[in-house]
Amino acid sequence: MAKNRRKISIPVSTFEQIKKLAEKEKAGSVEEYIVKLLEKKILEDRDKSHDFSKEDEEKVKERLKALGYMD
């Protein structure tokens, strides 16, 4: 295993489910598939962390209206 990688343990049943998904997606290996999924999740979460809640959005709109920038 490469120096920049770590081992993790997962239940066999989970591995088997992921293996089926990886085969369906024609991934090179279960490991590659898991890394791809985790990277995608990390990027999505990072992008979502910049999203405003509905409450925050309403506060911004109210403030812009008070300043005369919105009707």
C-alpha atoms as a PDB file:
ATOM      1  CA  MET A   1       0.000   0.000   0.000  1.00  0.00           C
ATOM      2  CA  ALA A   2       1.306   3.455  -0.885  1.00  0.00           C
ATOM      3  CA  LYS A   3       2.626   5.782   1.801  1.00  0.00           C
ATOM      4  CA  ASN A   4      -0.143   8.295   1.204  1.00  0.00           C
ATOM      5  CA  ARG A   5      -2.922   5.748   1.897  1.00  0.00           C
ATOM      6  CA  ARG A   6      -4.443   4.306   5.056  1.00  0.00           C
ATOM      7  CA  LYS A   7      -6.287   1.071   5.672  1.00  0.00           C
ATOM      8  CA  ILE A   8      -9.791   0.994   7.053  1.00  0.00           C
ATOM      9  CA  SER A   9     -11.969  -1.907   8.127  1.00  0.00           C
ATOM     10  CA  ILE A  10     -15.578  -2.245   7.096  1.00  0.00           C
ATOM     11  CA  PRO A  11     -18.051  -5.047   7.682  1.00  0.00           C
ATOM     12  CA  VAL A  12     -17.958  -7.790   5.057  1.00  0.00           C
ATOM     13  CA  SER A  13     -21.643  -7.268   4.273  1.00  0.00           C
ATOM     14  CA  THR A  14     -20.983  -3.593   3.531  1.00  0.00           C
ATOM     15  CA  PHE A  15     -18.017  -4.486   1.354  1.00  0.00           C
ATOM     16  CA  GLU A  16     -20.139  -6.940  -0.626  1.00  0.00           C
ATOM     17  CA  GLN A  17     -22.828  -4.318  -1.228  1.00  0.00           C
ATOM     18  CA  ILE A  18     -20.236  -1.786  -2.358  1.00  0.00           C
ATOM     19  CA  LYS A  19     -18.598  -4.414  -4.568  1.00  0.00           C
ATOM     20  CA  LYS A  20     -21.895  -4.970  -6.389  1.00  0.00           C
ATOM     21  CA  LEU A  21     -22.308  -1.229  -6.921  1.00  0.00           C
ATOM     22  CA  ALA A  22     -18.714  -0.900  -8.109  1.00  0.00           C
ATOM     23  CA  GLU A  23     -19.218  -3.693 -10.627  1.00  0.00           C
ATOM     24  CA  LYS A  24     -22.447  -2.100 -11.842  1.00  0.00           C
ATOM     25  CA  GLU A  25     -20.624   1.220 -12.324  1.00  0.00           C
ATOM     26  CA  LYS A  26     -17.693  -0.598 -13.980  1.00  0.00           C
ATOM     27  CA  ALA A  27     -15.226   0.803 -11.447  1.00  0.00           C
ATOM     28  CA  GLY A  28     -11.673  -0.485 -11.608  1.00  0.00           C
ATOM     29  CA  SER A  29     -11.843  -1.779  -8.045  1.00  0.00           C
ATOM     30  CA  VAL A  30     -13.883  -1.488  -4.886  1.00  0.00           C
ATOM     31  CA  GLU A  31     -11.190   0.761  -3.419  1.00  0.00           C
ATOM     32  CA  GLU A  32     -11.319   3.131  -6.417  1.00  0.00           C
ATOM     33  CA  TYR A  33     -15.102   3.238  -6.212  1.00  0.00           C
ATOM     34  CA  ILE A  34     -15.091   4.063  -2.492  1.00  0.00           C
ATOM     35  CA  VAL A  35     -12.479   6.800  -2.970  1.00  0.00           C
ATOM     36  CA  LYS A  36     -14.535   8.289  -5.817  1.00  0.00           C
ATOM     37  CA  LEU A  37     -17.688   8.309  -3.671  1.00  0.00           C
ATOM     38  CA  LEU A  38     -15.928   9.848  -0.689  1.00  0.00           C
ATOM     39  CA  GLU A  39     -14.275  12.543  -2.784  1.00  0.00           C
ATOM     40  CA  LYS A  40     -17.623  13.390  -4.382  1.00  0.00           C
ATOM     41  CA  LYS A  41     -19.281  13.609  -0.952  1.00  0.00           C
ATOM     42  CA  ILE A  42     -16.515  15.831   0.421  1.00  0.00           C
ATOM     43  CA  LEU A  43     -16.812  18.210  -2.552  1.00  0.00           C
ATOM     44  CA  GLU A  44     -20.609  18.328  -2.283  1.00  0.00           C
ATOM     45  CA  ASP A  45     -20.437  19.061   1.434  1.00  0.00           C
ATOM     46  CA  ARG A  46     -17.851  21.772   0.852  1.00  0.00           C
ATOM     47  CA  ASP A  47     -20.071  23.395  -1.761  1.00  0.00           C
ATOM     48  CA  LYS A  48     -23.130  23.167   0.490  1.00  0.00           C
ATOM     49  CA  SER A  49     -21.289  24.828   3.361  1.00  0.00           C
ATOM     50  CA  HIS A  50     -21.503  28.064   1.355  1.00  0.00           C
ATOM     51  CA  ASP A  51     -25.249  27.801   0.900  1.00  0.00           C
ATOM     52  CA  PHE A  52     -27.543  30.074   2.873  1.00  0.00           C
ATOM     53  CA  SER A  53     -30.390  28.679   4.900  1.00  0.00           C
ATOM     54  CA  LYS A  54     -33.843  29.924   3.961  1.00  0.00           C
ATOM     55  CA  GLU A  55     -33.823  32.012   7.132  1.00  0.00           C
ATOM     56  CA  ASP A  56     -30.479  33.594   6.231  1.00  0.00           C
ATOM     57  CA  GLU A  57     -31.689  34.276   2.705  1.00  0.00           C
ATOM     58  CA  GLU A  58     -34.810  36.018   4.009  1.00  0.00           C
ATOM     59  CA  LYS A  59     -32.719  38.171   6.364  1.00  0.00           C
ATOM     60  CA  VAL A  60     -30.489  39.251   3.476  1.00  0.00           C
ATOM     61  CA  LYS A  61     -33.517  40.054   1.311  1.00  0.00           C
ATOM     62  CA  GLU A  62     -35.097  42.101   4.113  1.00  0.00           C
ATOM     63  CA  ARG A  63     -31.862  44.019   4.606  1.00  0.00           C
ATOM     64  CA  LEU A  64     -31.500  44.698   0.865  1.00  0.00           C
ATOM     65  CA  LYS A  65     -35.105  45.928   0.767  1.00  0.00           C
ATOM     66  CA  ALA A  66     -34.456  48.197   3.764  1.00  0.00           C
ATOM     67  CA  LEU A  67     -31.425  49.625   1.939  1.00  0.00           C
ATOM     68  CA  GLY A  68     -33.487  50.216  -1.182  1.00  0.00           C
ATOM     69  CA  TYR A  69     -31.776  47.630  -3.393  1.00  0.00           C
ATOM     70  CA  MET A  70     -34.882  45.455  -3.762  1.00  0.00           C
ATOM     71  CA  ASP A  71     -38.591  46.102  -4.064  1.00  0.00           C
END
